[in-house]
PDB file of N, CA and C in Angstrom:
ATOM      1  N   MET A   1      76.037 131.789  42.119  1.00  0.00           N
ATOM      2  CA  MET A   1      76.826 131.347  40.983  1.00  0.00           C
ATOM      3  C   MET A   1      75.970 131.402  39.724  1.00  0.00           C
ATOM      4  N   LYS A   2      76.529 131.912  38.651  1.00  0.00           N
ATOM      5  CA  LYS A   2      75.844 132.022  37.375  1.00  0.00           C
ATOM      6  C   LYS A   2      75.661 130.624  36.766  1.00  0.00           C
ATOM      7  N   SER A   3      74.485 130.371  36.215  1.00  0.00           N
ATOM      8  CA  SER A   3      74.198 129.077  35.612  1.00  0.00           C
ATOM      9  C   SER A   3      75.020 128.891  34.337  1.00  0.00           C
ATOM     10  N   LEU A   4      75.577 127.698  34.189  1.00  0.00           N
ATOM     11  CA  LEU A   4      76.377 127.378  33.018  1.00  0.00           C
ATOM     12  C   LEU A   4      75.660 126.428  32.067  1.00  0.00           C
ATOM     13  N   SER A   5      74.474 125.972  32.451  1.00  0.00           N
ATOM     14  CA  SER A   5      73.806 124.918  31.701  1.00  0.00           C
ATOM     15  C   SER A   5      73.416 125.326  30.284  1.00  0.00           C
ATOM     16  N   HIS A   6      73.369 126.602  29.998  1.00  0.00           N
ATOM     17  CA  HIS A   6      73.002 127.055  28.655  1.00  0.00           C
ATOM     18  C   HIS A   6      74.189 127.026  27.693  1.00  0.00           C
ATOM     19  N   LEU A   7      75.399 126.804  28.204  1.00  0.00           N
ATOM     20  CA  LEU A   7      76.593 126.820  27.368  1.00  0.00           C
ATOM     21  C   LEU A   7      76.717 125.545  26.536  1.00  0.00           C
ATOM     22  N   SER A   8      77.397 125.657  25.401  1.00  0.00           N
ATOM     23  CA  SER A   8      77.660 124.486  24.567  1.00  0.00           C
ATOM     24  C   SER A   8      78.738 123.630  25.233  1.00  0.00           C
ATOM     25  N   ASP A   9      78.908 122.414  24.749  1.00  0.00           N
ATOM     26  CA  ASP A   9      79.935 121.538  25.308  1.00  0.00           C
ATOM     27  C   ASP A   9      81.318 122.158  25.144  1.00  0.00           C
ATOM     28  N   LYS A  10      81.568 122.736  24.007  1.00  0.00           N
ATOM     29  CA  LYS A  10      82.863 123.363  23.748  1.00  0.00           C
ATOM     30  C   LYS A  10      83.120 124.503  24.736  1.00  0.00           C
ATOM     31  N   GLU A  11      82.087 125.301  24.973  1.00  0.00           N
ATOM     32  CA  GLU A  11      82.224 126.405  25.925  1.00  0.00           C
ATOM     33  C   GLU A  11      82.418 125.875  27.348  1.00  0.00           C
ATOM     34  N   LEU A  12      81.685 124.823  27.688  1.00  0.00           N
ATOM     35  CA  LEU A  12      81.836 124.237  29.024  1.00  0.00           C
ATOM     36  C   LEU A  12      83.237 123.684  29.225  1.00  0.00           C
ATOM     37  N   LEU A  13      83.782 123.055  28.198  1.00  0.00           N
ATOM     38  CA  LEU A  13      85.133 122.526  28.295  1.00  0.00           C
ATOM     39  C   LEU A  13      86.133 123.656  28.562  1.00  0.00           C
ATOM     40  N   SER A  14      85.955 124.746  27.880  1.00  0.00           N
ATOM     41  CA  SER A  14      86.832 125.899  28.094  1.00  0.00           C
ATOM     42  C   SER A  14      86.701 126.430  29.521  1.00  0.00           C
ATOM     43  N   VAL A  15      85.479 126.516  30.015  1.00  0.00           N
ATOM     44  CA  VAL A  15      85.246 126.985  31.398  1.00  0.00           C
ATOM     45  C   VAL A  15      85.866 126.017  32.400  1.00  0.00           C
ATOM     46  N   PHE A  16      85.710 124.713  32.132  1.00  0.00           N
ATOM     47  CA  PHE A  16      86.298 123.700  33.016  1.00  0.00           C
ATOM     48  C   PHE A  16      87.824 123.806  33.025  1.00  0.00           C
ATOM     49  N   GLN A  17      88.415 123.988  31.857  1.00  0.00           N
ATOM     50  CA  GLN A  17      89.871 124.093  31.773  1.00  0.00           C
ATOM     51  C   GLN A  17      90.403 125.331  32.493  1.00  0.00           C
ATOM     52  N   SER A  18      89.545 126.334  32.668  1.00  0.00           N
ATOM     53  CA  SER A  18      89.970 127.519  33.399  1.00  0.00           C
ATOM     54  C   SER A  18      89.806 127.349  34.912  1.00  0.00           C
ATOM     55  N   GLY A  19      89.312 126.171  35.330  1.00  0.00           N
ATOM     56  CA  GLY A  19      89.274 125.871  36.760  1.00  0.00           C
ATOM     57  C   GLY A  19      87.893 125.735  37.372  1.00  0.00           C
ATOM     58  N   ASN A  20      86.836 125.880  36.594  1.00  0.00           N
ATOM     59  CA  ASN A  20      85.479 125.773  37.131  1.00  0.00           C
ATOM     60  C   ASN A  20      85.007 124.323  37.044  1.00  0.00           C
ATOM     61  N   HIS A  21      85.010 123.632  38.170  1.00  0.00           N
ATOM     62  CA  HIS A  21      84.659 122.213  38.179  1.00  0.00           C
ATOM     63  C   HIS A  21      83.157 121.972  38.052  1.00  0.00           C
ATOM     64  N   HIS A  22      82.368 122.981  38.243  1.00  0.00           N
ATOM     65  CA  HIS A  22      80.920 122.857  38.029  1.00  0.00           C
ATOM     66  C   HIS A  22      80.636 122.586  36.547  1.00  0.00           C
ATOM     67  N   ALA A  23      81.460 123.104  35.668  1.00  0.00           N
ATOM     68  CA  ALA A  23      81.290 122.858  34.232  1.00  0.00           C
ATOM     69  C   ALA A  23      81.438 121.371  33.922  1.00  0.00           C
ATOM     70  N   TYR A  24      82.378 120.700  34.589  1.00  0.00           N
ATOM     71  CA  TYR A  24      82.538 119.256  34.402  1.00  0.00           C
ATOM     72  C   TYR A  24      81.279 118.506  34.838  1.00  0.00           C
ATOM     73  N   GLU A  25      80.717 118.920  35.944  1.00  0.00           N
ATOM     74  CA  GLU A  25      79.491 118.287  36.444  1.00  0.00           C
ATOM     75  C   GLU A  25      78.364 118.402  35.426  1.00  0.00           C
ATOM     76  N   ILE A  26      78.250 119.535  34.786  1.00  0.00           N
ATOM     77  CA  ILE A  26      77.201 119.729  33.781  1.00  0.00           C
ATOM     78  C   ILE A  26      77.434 118.812  32.585  1.00  0.00           C
ATOM     79  N   ILE A  27      78.684 118.741  32.121  1.00  0.00           N
ATOM     80  CA  ILE A  27      79.000 117.846  30.996  1.00  0.00           C
ATOM     81  C   ILE A  27      78.721 116.399  31.394  1.00  0.00           C
ATOM     82  N   TYR A  28      79.140 116.015  32.581  1.00  0.00           N
ATOM     83  CA  TYR A  28      78.899 114.652  33.067  1.00  0.00           C
ATOM     84  C   TYR A  28      77.409 114.342  33.082  1.00  0.00           C
ATOM     85  N   ASN A  29      76.609 115.243  33.614  1.00  0.00           N
ATOM     86  CA  ASN A  29      75.170 115.018  33.702  1.00  0.00           C
ATOM     87  C   ASN A  29      74.515 114.939  32.318  1.00  0.00           C
ATOM     88  N   ARG A  30      75.083 115.607  31.340  1.00  0.00           N
ATOM     89  CA  ARG A  30      74.553 115.543  29.984  1.00  0.00           C
ATOM     90  C   ARG A  30      74.799 114.175  29.337  1.00  0.00           C
ATOM     91  N   TYR A  31      75.914 113.555  29.656  1.00  0.00           N
ATOM     92  CA  TYR A  31      76.348 112.391  28.889  1.00  0.00           C
ATOM     93  C   TYR A  31      76.473 111.085  29.657  1.00  0.00           C
ATOM     94  N   TRP A  32      76.189 111.044  30.948  1.00  0.00           N
ATOM     95  CA  TRP A  32      76.423 109.820  31.696  1.00  0.00           C
ATOM     96  C   TRP A  32      75.584 108.661  31.202  1.00  0.00           C
ATOM     97  N   LYS A  33      74.361 108.910  30.776  1.00  0.00           N
ATOM     98  CA  LYS A  33      73.522 107.813  30.304  1.00  0.00           C
ATOM     99  C   LYS A  33      74.075 107.207  29.015  1.00  0.00           C
ATOM    100  N   LEU A  34      74.504 108.065  28.116  1.00  0.00           N
ATOM    101  CA  LEU A  34      75.083 107.600  26.864  1.00  0.00           C
ATOM    102  C   LEU A  34      76.347 106.786  27.119  1.00  0.00           C
ATOM    103  N   LEU A  35      77.208 107.272  27.990  1.00  0.00           N
ATOM    104  CA  LEU A  35      78.440 106.556  28.315  1.00  0.00           C
ATOM    105  C   LEU A  35      78.150 105.236  29.011  1.00  0.00           C
ATOM    106  N   TYR A  36      77.154 105.215  29.874  1.00  0.00           N
ATOM    107  CA  TYR A  36      76.782 104.001  30.580  1.00  0.00           C
ATOM    108  C   TYR A  36      76.290 102.943  29.596  1.00  0.00           C
ATOM    109  N   ARG A  37      75.448 103.335  28.649  1.00  0.00           N
ATOM    110  CA  ARG A  37      74.957 102.379  27.634  1.00  0.00           C
ATOM    111  C   ARG A  37      76.100 101.857  26.770  1.00  0.00           C
ATOM    112  N   HIS A  38      77.012 102.734  26.390  1.00  0.00           N
ATOM    113  CA  HIS A  38      78.157 102.331  25.583  1.00  0.00           C
ATOM    114  C   HIS A  38      79.038 101.343  26.343  1.00  0.00           C
ATOM    115  N   GLU A  39      79.292 101.625  27.612  1.00  0.00           N
ATOM    116  CA  GLU A  39      80.103 100.741  28.432  1.00  0.00           C
ATOM    117  C   GLU A  39      79.455  99.362  28.560  1.00  0.00           C
ATOM    118  N   ASN A  40      78.160  99.334  28.796  1.00  0.00           N
ATOM    119  CA  ASN A  40      77.470  98.048  28.920  1.00  0.00           C
ATOM    120  C   ASN A  40      77.521  97.265  27.637  1.00  0.00           C
ATOM    121  N   ALA A  41      77.370  97.928  26.491  1.00  0.00           N
ATOM    122  CA  ALA A  41      77.448  97.239  25.210  1.00  0.00           C
ATOM    123  C   ALA A  41      78.839  96.641  25.012  1.00  0.00           C
ATOM    124  N   MET A  42      79.871  97.377  25.390  1.00  0.00           N
ATOM    125  CA  MET A  42      81.235  96.861  25.268  1.00  0.00           C
ATOM    126  C   MET A  42      81.449  95.651  26.170  1.00  0.00           C
ATOM    127  N   LEU A  43      80.960  95.737  27.394  1.00  0.00           N
ATOM    128  CA  LEU A  43      81.114  94.615  28.330  1.00  0.00           C
ATOM    129  C   LEU A  43      80.366  93.386  27.839  1.00  0.00           C
ATOM    130  N   LEU A  44      79.191  93.569  27.286  1.00  0.00           N
ATOM    131  CA  LEU A  44      78.442  92.431  26.758  1.00  0.00           C
ATOM    132  C   LEU A  44      79.176  91.766  25.601  1.00  0.00           C
ATOM    133  N   ARG A  45      79.808  92.572  24.746  1.00  0.00           N
ATOM    134  CA  ARG A  45      80.598  91.999  23.648  1.00  0.00           C
ATOM    135  C   ARG A  45      81.781  91.209  24.189  1.00  0.00           C
ATOM    136  N   ILE A  46      82.436  91.722  25.201  1.00  0.00           N
ATOM    137  CA  ILE A  46      83.585  91.008  25.798  1.00  0.00           C
ATOM    138  C   ILE A  46      83.124  89.695  26.407  1.00  0.00           C
ATOM    139  N   ILE A  47      82.032  89.739  27.161  1.00  0.00           N
ATOM    140  CA  ILE A  47      81.501  88.518  27.778  1.00  0.00           C
ATOM    141  C   ILE A  47      81.129  87.507  26.699  1.00  0.00           C
ATOM    142  N   PHE A  48      80.490  87.958  25.646  1.00  0.00           N
ATOM    143  CA  PHE A  48      80.117  87.066  24.549  1.00  0.00           C
ATOM    144  C   PHE A  48      81.347  86.424  23.921  1.00  0.00           C
ATOM    145  N   LEU A  49      82.406  87.218  23.695  1.00  0.00           N
ATOM    146  CA  LEU A  49      83.629  86.680  23.092  1.00  0.00           C
ATOM    147  C   LEU A  49      84.268  85.629  23.993  1.00  0.00           C
ATOM    148  N   PHE A  50      84.338  85.880  25.300  1.00  0.00           N
ATOM    149  CA  PHE A  50      84.911  84.902  26.200  1.00  0.00           C
ATOM    150  C   PHE A  50      84.051  83.648  26.304  1.00  0.00           C
ATOM    151  N   TRP A  51      82.761  83.821  26.192  1.00  0.00           N
ATOM    152  CA  TRP A  51      81.836  82.690  26.268  1.00  0.00           C
ATOM    153  C   TRP A  51      82.052  81.754  25.062  1.00  0.00           C
ATOM    154  N   GLN A  52      82.494  82.334  23.950  1.00  0.00           N
ATOM    155  CA  GLN A  52      82.700  81.550  22.719  1.00  0.00           C
ATOM    156  C   GLN A  52      83.976  80.720  22.772  1.00  0.00           C
ATOM    157  N   LEU A  53      84.891  80.996  23.713  1.00  0.00           N
ATOM    158  CA  LEU A  53      86.156  80.255  23.775  1.00  0.00           C
ATOM    159  C   LEU A  53      85.991  78.826  24.166  1.00  0.00           C
TER     160      LEU A  53
END
């Protein structure tokens, strides 16, 4: 299988939409840490808000 890791996000999205699920895996691996940090920050804000009630 040809490597897709050199493609831009926009190109990977196009490849994924054409049915190549490996492109999704590459996008996921690029951004999972960022999404995880964002999710944790959101959860901490929610916990803080409920704690204030």
